[in-house]
Amino acid sequence: MTNKSLIDLEAMTPQQIDKVIKKAKKIMQSPADFRHACDGKILATLFYEPSTRTQMSFQTAMLKLGGRTIGFDNPMNTSVSKGESLKDTTSIVGGYADIIAIRHPIEGTAMASSLYANVPVINCGDGGHLHPTQTLTDIITLSCEKGRLDNLKIGVCGDLLNGRTVHSLIKTLAKYENNSFVLISTKELSVPLYIIDILEKNGCNYEISNNLSDAISDLDVIYMTRIQRERFKSEEDYEAQKNVFVLDKDKLDKAKDDMIILHPLPRVNEITVDIDDDPRALYFKQAQYGMYGRMALILLLLQDEDFTISTRDTLTTEHKCKNPKCITQQEEYLPHLAYEKKGMIMCDYCDKRVD
């Protein structure tokens, strides 16, 4: 089956990803040609969690295409504060808008929203789970700056456990030939096992490191991430992790001259400010690429009838997801949708094992 919602970039083929990249580059080259491409269309941005770049990037993308935006960035100013369900909110908003971009702190929310919205839903981040449009931003940046998406050695550093941008990026780049990864984190913040499974399934070489200085010398890309304070159970746990990995000039001196530095932002203190003027530091330019990528995605979802995204085969099960961070724990009316993977039953919302 297929639909018009983007929940997980893994559901897109490399050919579809290439189509988004080509469309984004075309918009970059001649933005005036797209000034009225979405005249009369409305984008709803439903942001249950704080955001600067993603929310404004989507709003700017729609405005530059000639469309309009509605939405909220604080659920406490909406009927959510009165107890309105996700189903009711997205069903109503789907009647107002032509496309929805949603961010939520609970895993699987975008998937759940797509069941009821009746318009395309774009996942702008669901807890520590996924962030597919940030990954589109990342790979458009790589395509423009490195000229390829294969034969890359990619270092990812920081909070690899909770970093949804890291999960989406690894899952996507693992599809491309001869990419290898260096996973740089503390033991407590190492990538989930399902990410390792994906690397092994795709035959990707990977290394695990706890030393940024030692790992940086032969990388083509270093992808820095902040330690995500909001994902920790206590301030003490956060303080123990927050300054373990900092990219500074001394470490950067060990890197290749053509290595590029990416970061999904916001930055806290994991990249020192004196690196900002280094030509390898592309994180601000990366955010600009993201706007063009979102313009391209909006156009393809709204205007290209052939641009549909595959959905996996699911089953309705009596099993209930035990992940406390899953949307099914909060919105109990949701059907218990699952899929089979290697003989295991997995939650279709948060991708955690349910049996």
Protein backbone atom coordinates (compact mmCIF):
# COMPACT_ATOMS: atom_id res chain seq x y z
CA MET A 1 0.00 0.00 0.00
CA THR A 2 0.98 3.65 -0.42
CA ASN A 3 -0.10 7.01 0.95
CA LYS A 4 0.90 10.67 0.79
CA SER A 5 2.23 11.04 4.33
CA LEU A 6 5.92 11.12 5.26
CA ILE A 7 6.34 9.46 8.64
CA ASP A 8 9.68 7.70 8.22
CA LEU A 9 12.21 8.45 5.48
CA GLU A 10 13.02 4.73 5.40
CA ALA A 11 9.72 4.26 3.54
CA MET A 12 11.01 6.34 0.62
CA THR A 13 13.08 4.72 -2.11
CA PRO A 14 16.46 6.16 -3.11
CA GLN A 15 14.76 7.18 -6.37
CA GLN A 16 12.15 9.19 -4.47
CA ILE A 17 14.80 10.79 -2.29
CA ASP A 18 16.70 11.71 -5.45
CA LYS A 19 13.52 13.27 -6.83
CA VAL A 20 13.23 15.50 -3.75
CA ILE A 21 16.90 16.49 -4.05
CA LYS A 22 16.54 17.36 -7.73
CA LYS A 23 13.39 19.38 -7.08
CA ALA A 24 15.11 21.25 -4.23
CA LYS A 25 18.08 22.10 -6.43
CA LYS A 26 15.74 23.31 -9.17
CA ILE A 27 14.01 25.62 -6.67
CA MET A 28 17.38 26.91 -5.45
CA GLN A 29 18.43 27.73 -9.00
CA SER A 30 15.21 29.57 -9.91
CA PRO A 31 13.06 30.37 -6.85
CA ALA A 32 10.95 32.92 -8.75
CA ASP A 33 9.54 30.12 -10.92
CA PHE A 34 7.86 28.61 -7.84
CA ARG A 35 6.50 31.79 -6.28
CA HIS A 36 2.89 30.85 -6.97
CA ALA A 37 3.18 27.06 -7.04
CA CYS A 38 0.93 26.63 -3.97
CA ASP A 39 -1.46 29.52 -4.41
CA GLY A 40 -4.64 28.78 -2.47
CA LYS A 41 -3.09 25.95 -0.43
CA ILE A 42 -2.84 25.90 3.37
CA LEU A 43 -0.19 24.26 5.55
CA ALA A 44 -1.05 23.57 9.20
CA THR A 45 1.91 23.40 11.59
CA LEU A 46 0.94 21.54 14.77
CA PHE A 47 3.88 21.89 17.12
CA TYR A 48 3.29 20.31 20.51
CA GLU A 49 7.00 20.72 21.28
CA PRO A 50 9.32 23.77 21.00
CA SER A 51 10.96 24.42 17.65
CA THR A 52 12.67 27.26 15.84
CA ARG A 53 14.19 26.00 12.59
CA THR A 54 11.77 23.22 11.67
CA GLN A 55 8.61 25.22 12.30
CA MET A 56 9.84 28.43 10.69
CA SER A 57 11.42 26.49 7.84
CA PHE A 58 8.09 24.87 6.99
CA GLN A 59 6.20 28.13 7.34
CA THR A 60 8.71 29.98 5.16
CA ALA A 61 8.70 27.17 2.60
CA MET A 62 4.91 27.39 2.20
CA LEU A 63 4.92 31.19 2.05
CA LYS A 64 7.64 31.18 -0.62
CA LEU A 65 5.48 28.79 -2.64
CA GLY A 66 2.55 31.21 -2.46
CA GLY A 67 0.56 29.28 0.13
CA ARG A 68 -0.62 30.21 3.62
CA THR A 69 -0.08 28.74 7.08
CA ILE A 70 -2.17 28.11 10.18
CA GLY A 71 -1.37 26.21 13.35
CA PHE A 72 0.02 26.48 16.87
CA ASP A 73 3.33 26.24 18.68
CA ASN A 74 1.94 25.86 22.20
CA PRO A 75 -0.72 23.19 22.74
CA MET A 76 -1.73 24.85 26.01
CA ASN A 77 -3.25 27.66 23.95
CA THR A 78 -5.51 25.18 22.15
CA SER A 79 -8.26 22.70 23.00
CA VAL A 80 -5.52 20.18 23.79
CA SER A 81 -5.35 21.91 27.19
CA LYS A 82 -9.02 20.93 27.66
CA GLY A 83 -8.29 17.28 27.00
CA GLU A 84 -8.96 17.09 23.25
CA SER A 85 -7.59 13.90 21.72
CA LEU A 86 -5.00 13.75 18.97
CA LYS A 87 -7.62 12.12 16.75
CA ASP A 88 -10.05 15.00 17.16
CA THR A 89 -7.40 17.69 16.70
CA THR A 90 -5.99 16.20 13.50
CA SER A 91 -9.43 15.33 12.11
CA ILE A 92 -10.55 18.94 12.52
CA VAL A 93 -7.33 20.50 11.24
CA GLY A 94 -7.33 18.11 8.29
CA GLY A 95 -10.62 19.73 7.28
CA TYR A 96 -9.04 23.19 7.37
CA ALA A 97 -5.68 22.56 5.71
CA ASP A 98 -4.31 20.80 2.63
CA ILE A 99 -1.25 19.39 4.40
CA ILE A 100 -0.11 19.04 8.04
CA ALA A 101 3.36 19.26 9.57
CA ILE A 102 3.40 17.91 13.13
CA ARG A 103 5.95 17.74 15.95
CA HIS A 104 5.19 16.00 19.23
CA PRO A 105 7.23 14.78 22.23
CA ILE A 106 5.58 11.34 22.15
CA GLU A 107 6.89 8.60 19.85
CA GLY A 108 4.58 7.46 17.08
CA THR A 109 2.38 10.58 17.11
CA ALA A 110 2.86 11.41 13.43
CA MET A 111 1.90 7.88 12.45
CA ALA A 112 -1.22 8.09 14.63
CA SER A 113 -2.14 11.49 13.17
CA SER A 114 -1.95 10.17 9.63
CA LEU A 115 -4.75 7.70 10.43
CA TYR A 116 -7.26 10.52 10.94
CA ALA A 117 -6.11 13.67 9.13
CA ASN A 118 -7.35 12.83 5.58
CA VAL A 119 -4.56 15.03 4.18
CA PRO A 120 -0.81 14.39 3.91
CA VAL A 121 0.98 14.42 7.26
CA ILE A 122 4.69 15.22 7.57
CA ASN A 123 6.56 14.02 10.65
CA CYS A 124 8.58 16.93 12.05
CA GLY A 125 9.88 14.90 14.97
CA ASP A 126 8.16 12.46 17.33
CA GLY A 127 9.97 12.30 20.63
CA GLY A 128 13.33 10.55 20.37
CA HIS A 129 12.05 8.41 17.51
CA LEU A 130 12.36 9.99 14.03
CA HIS A 131 12.85 13.31 12.24
CA PRO A 132 12.65 12.58 8.50
CA THR A 133 12.65 16.15 7.16
CA GLN A 134 15.83 16.93 9.08
CA THR A 135 17.35 13.96 7.30
CA LEU A 136 16.18 15.37 3.96
CA THR A 137 17.97 18.56 4.99
CA ASP A 138 21.11 16.58 5.81
CA ILE A 139 21.23 14.59 2.57
CA ILE A 140 20.49 17.62 0.39
CA THR A 141 23.43 19.30 2.12
CA LEU A 142 25.62 16.26 1.45
CA SER A 143 24.52 16.08 -2.17
CA CYS A 144 25.26 19.77 -2.75
CA GLU A 145 28.48 19.97 -0.75
CA LYS A 146 30.06 16.53 -1.24
CA GLY A 147 28.48 15.71 -4.60
CA ARG A 148 27.43 12.21 -3.54
CA LEU A 149 25.49 10.16 -0.99
CA ASP A 150 27.63 7.04 -1.25
CA ASN A 151 31.24 6.14 -0.43
CA LEU A 152 31.21 8.35 2.65
CA LYS A 153 32.65 7.80 6.10
CA ILE A 154 30.23 9.46 8.49
CA GLY A 155 30.89 10.16 12.14
CA VAL A 156 27.87 10.77 14.36
CA CYS A 157 28.61 12.16 17.79
CA GLY A 158 26.70 12.98 20.97
CA ASP A 159 23.32 11.73 22.14
CA LEU A 160 22.89 8.76 19.83
CA LEU A 161 20.29 7.15 22.07
CA ASN A 162 17.70 9.93 22.01
CA GLY A 163 18.84 11.69 18.84
CA ARG A 164 15.98 11.17 16.38
CA THR A 165 17.96 13.04 13.72
CA VAL A 166 20.77 10.50 14.09
CA HIS A 167 18.39 7.55 13.81
CA SER A 168 16.80 8.89 10.62
CA LEU A 169 20.15 9.82 9.07
CA ILE A 170 21.77 6.43 9.69
CA LYS A 171 18.72 4.54 8.43
CA THR A 172 18.73 6.56 5.20
CA LEU A 173 22.44 6.65 4.43
CA ALA A 174 22.71 2.91 5.15
CA LYS A 175 20.82 2.38 1.88
CA TYR A 176 23.62 3.90 -0.20
CA GLU A 177 26.61 1.94 -1.41
CA ASN A 178 29.82 1.73 0.59
CA ASN A 179 28.89 4.14 3.37
CA SER A 180 30.50 3.48 6.74
CA PHE A 181 29.81 4.93 10.17
CA VAL A 182 31.68 5.83 13.33
CA LEU A 183 29.29 5.94 16.30
CA ILE A 184 30.79 8.30 18.88
CA SER A 185 29.07 8.46 22.25
CA THR A 186 29.23 7.47 25.86
CA LYS A 187 28.07 3.97 26.72
CA GLU A 188 24.90 5.41 28.27
CA LEU A 189 23.96 7.28 25.08
CA SER A 190 24.87 4.69 22.44
CA VAL A 191 22.54 4.04 19.50
CA PRO A 192 19.56 1.71 20.02
CA LEU A 193 20.08 -1.88 18.94
CA TYR A 194 17.57 -1.56 16.11
CA ILE A 195 19.92 0.96 14.44
CA ILE A 196 22.77 -1.54 14.69
CA ASP A 197 20.45 -4.14 13.14
CA ILE A 198 19.84 -1.80 10.19
CA LEU A 199 23.57 -1.25 9.67
CA GLU A 200 24.25 -4.97 9.72
CA LYS A 201 21.28 -5.77 7.47
CA ASN A 202 22.63 -3.32 4.88
CA GLY A 203 26.18 -4.61 5.16
CA CYS A 204 27.55 -1.28 6.41
CA ASN A 205 30.85 -1.17 8.20
CA TYR A 206 30.64 0.61 11.54
CA GLU A 207 32.87 1.39 14.50
CA ILE A 208 31.94 2.32 18.06
CA SER A 209 34.07 5.00 19.70
CA ASN A 210 34.09 7.04 22.88
CA ASN A 211 36.83 9.44 21.73
CA LEU A 212 36.03 12.21 19.23
CA SER A 213 39.64 13.32 18.92
CA ASP A 214 40.80 9.84 17.85
CA ALA A 215 37.85 9.22 15.50
CA ILE A 216 37.84 12.44 13.49
CA SER A 217 40.98 12.08 11.38
CA ASP A 218 39.60 10.13 8.40
CA LEU A 219 35.96 11.20 8.37
CA ASP A 220 34.24 12.76 5.37
CA VAL A 221 31.45 14.10 7.57
CA ILE A 222 31.11 14.73 11.29
CA TYR A 223 27.51 15.03 12.45
CA MET A 224 27.45 16.62 15.89
CA THR A 225 24.37 16.50 18.11
CA ARG A 226 23.52 18.12 21.43
CA ILE A 227 22.95 16.16 24.59
CA GLN A 228 19.17 16.36 24.84
CA ARG A 229 18.39 17.70 28.27
CA GLU A 230 14.64 17.21 27.84
CA ARG A 231 15.04 13.43 27.35
CA PHE A 232 16.79 12.81 30.69
CA LYS A 233 15.03 11.60 33.81
CA SER A 234 17.04 13.89 36.09
CA GLU A 235 19.24 16.98 35.96
CA GLU A 236 22.03 14.94 37.53
CA ASP A 237 21.98 12.43 34.66
CA TYR A 238 22.11 15.28 32.14
CA GLU A 239 25.00 17.06 33.89
CA ALA A 240 27.03 13.84 33.80
CA GLN A 241 26.80 13.72 29.99
CA LYS A 242 26.53 17.26 28.65
CA ASN A 243 30.19 18.23 28.09
CA VAL A 244 31.74 14.88 27.25
CA PHE A 245 32.06 15.62 23.50
CA VAL A 246 32.98 19.12 22.34
CA LEU A 247 34.31 19.84 18.87
CA ASP A 248 36.95 22.56 19.18
CA LYS A 249 39.84 23.83 17.05
CA ASP A 250 42.34 21.37 18.49
CA LYS A 251 40.21 18.42 17.42
CA LEU A 252 39.31 20.01 14.08
CA ASP A 253 43.02 20.39 13.27
CA LYS A 254 43.18 16.58 13.09
CA ALA A 255 40.41 16.38 10.46
CA LYS A 256 40.71 16.29 6.68
CA ASP A 257 40.61 19.60 4.85
CA ASP A 258 37.47 18.57 2.97
CA MET A 259 35.58 17.10 5.91
CA ILE A 260 32.30 18.89 6.56
CA ILE A 261 30.67 19.61 9.91
CA LEU A 262 26.91 19.20 10.19
CA HIS A 263 24.58 19.77 13.13
CA PRO A 264 20.75 19.65 13.20
CA LEU A 265 20.75 22.55 15.70
CA PRO A 266 20.09 23.96 18.22
CA ARG A 267 23.68 23.97 19.39
CA VAL A 268 24.37 24.18 23.10
CA ASN A 269 28.10 23.82 23.73
CA GLU A 270 29.13 20.80 21.64
CA ILE A 271 30.72 22.96 18.90
CA THR A 272 32.79 25.94 20.02
CA VAL A 273 31.84 29.28 18.48
CA ASP A 274 35.35 29.88 17.09
CA ILE A 275 34.73 27.07 14.57
CA ASP A 276 31.81 28.91 12.93
CA ASP A 277 34.05 30.72 10.42
CA ASP A 278 35.87 27.56 9.34
CA PRO A 279 34.85 26.70 5.73
CA ARG A 280 34.10 23.15 6.86
CA ALA A 281 31.39 24.37 9.26
CA LEU A 282 28.16 24.09 7.28
CA TYR A 283 25.46 23.91 9.94
CA PHE A 284 23.99 27.36 9.20
CA LYS A 285 24.02 26.73 5.47
CA GLN A 286 22.53 23.31 6.21
CA ALA A 287 19.45 25.02 7.70
CA GLN A 288 18.98 27.00 4.46
CA TYR A 289 19.15 23.80 2.42
CA GLY A 290 16.41 22.45 4.68
CA MET A 291 13.98 25.16 3.64
CA TYR A 292 14.43 24.26 -0.04
CA GLY A 293 14.05 20.58 0.77
CA ARG A 294 10.76 21.25 2.55
CA MET A 295 9.55 23.35 -0.39
CA ALA A 296 10.31 20.42 -2.68
CA LEU A 297 8.57 17.92 -0.38
CA ILE A 298 5.42 20.06 -0.08
CA LEU A 299 5.22 20.39 -3.87
CA LEU A 300 5.66 16.68 -4.49
CA LEU A 301 3.11 15.63 -1.86
CA LEU A 302 0.50 18.13 -3.06
CA GLN A 303 1.02 18.13 -6.82
CA ASP A 304 2.70 14.93 -8.00
CA GLU A 305 0.11 12.14 -8.16
CA ASP A 306 2.83 9.54 -8.73
CA PHE A 307 4.76 10.59 -5.61
CA THR A 308 3.31 8.19 -3.06
CA ILE A 309 5.11 6.62 -0.11
CA SER A 310 5.00 2.92 0.62
CA THR A 311 3.49 1.65 3.84
CA ARG A 312 4.51 -1.65 5.40
CA ASP A 313 2.13 -4.54 5.85
CA THR A 314 0.50 -4.21 9.25
CA LEU A 315 -1.71 -6.38 11.40
CA THR A 316 -4.10 -5.63 14.23
CA THR A 317 -2.97 -7.44 17.34
CA GLU A 318 -4.12 -7.98 20.91
CA HIS A 319 -0.64 -7.05 22.07
CA LYS A 320 -0.28 -3.61 23.62
CA CYS A 321 2.94 -1.67 23.21
CA LYS A 322 4.85 -1.54 26.50
CA ASN A 323 7.02 1.44 25.52
CA PRO A 324 6.03 4.18 28.04
CA LYS A 325 6.99 6.81 25.46
CA CYS A 326 4.65 5.44 22.77
CA ILE A 327 1.56 7.41 21.70
CA THR A 328 -0.60 4.31 22.33
CA GLN A 329 0.01 4.80 26.06
CA GLN A 330 -1.53 8.26 25.89
CA GLU A 331 -4.23 7.86 23.22
CA GLU A 332 -5.77 4.54 24.27
CA TYR A 333 -8.41 4.44 21.49
CA LEU A 334 -5.71 3.87 18.85
CA PRO A 335 -5.85 0.49 17.09
CA HIS A 336 -3.05 -1.86 18.15
CA LEU A 337 -1.21 -1.86 14.84
CA ALA A 338 1.94 -3.92 14.51
CA TYR A 339 4.23 -5.51 11.96
CA GLU A 340 6.45 -8.57 11.91
CA LYS A 341 10.23 -8.30 11.87
CA LYS A 342 12.55 -11.29 12.16
CA GLY A 343 9.83 -13.27 13.89
CA MET A 344 9.10 -10.47 16.36
CA ILE A 345 5.97 -8.34 16.61
CA MET A 346 6.85 -4.63 16.46
CA CYS A 347 4.70 -1.60 17.27
CA ASP A 348 3.76 0.21 14.06
CA TYR A 349 3.81 3.56 15.86
CA CYS A 350 7.13 3.61 17.76
CA ASP A 351 8.99 0.60 16.24
CA LYS A 352 9.55 -1.05 19.63
CA ARG A 353 8.96 -4.75 20.22
CA VAL A 354 5.52 -5.52 21.67
CA ASP A 355 5.59 -9.31 22.11
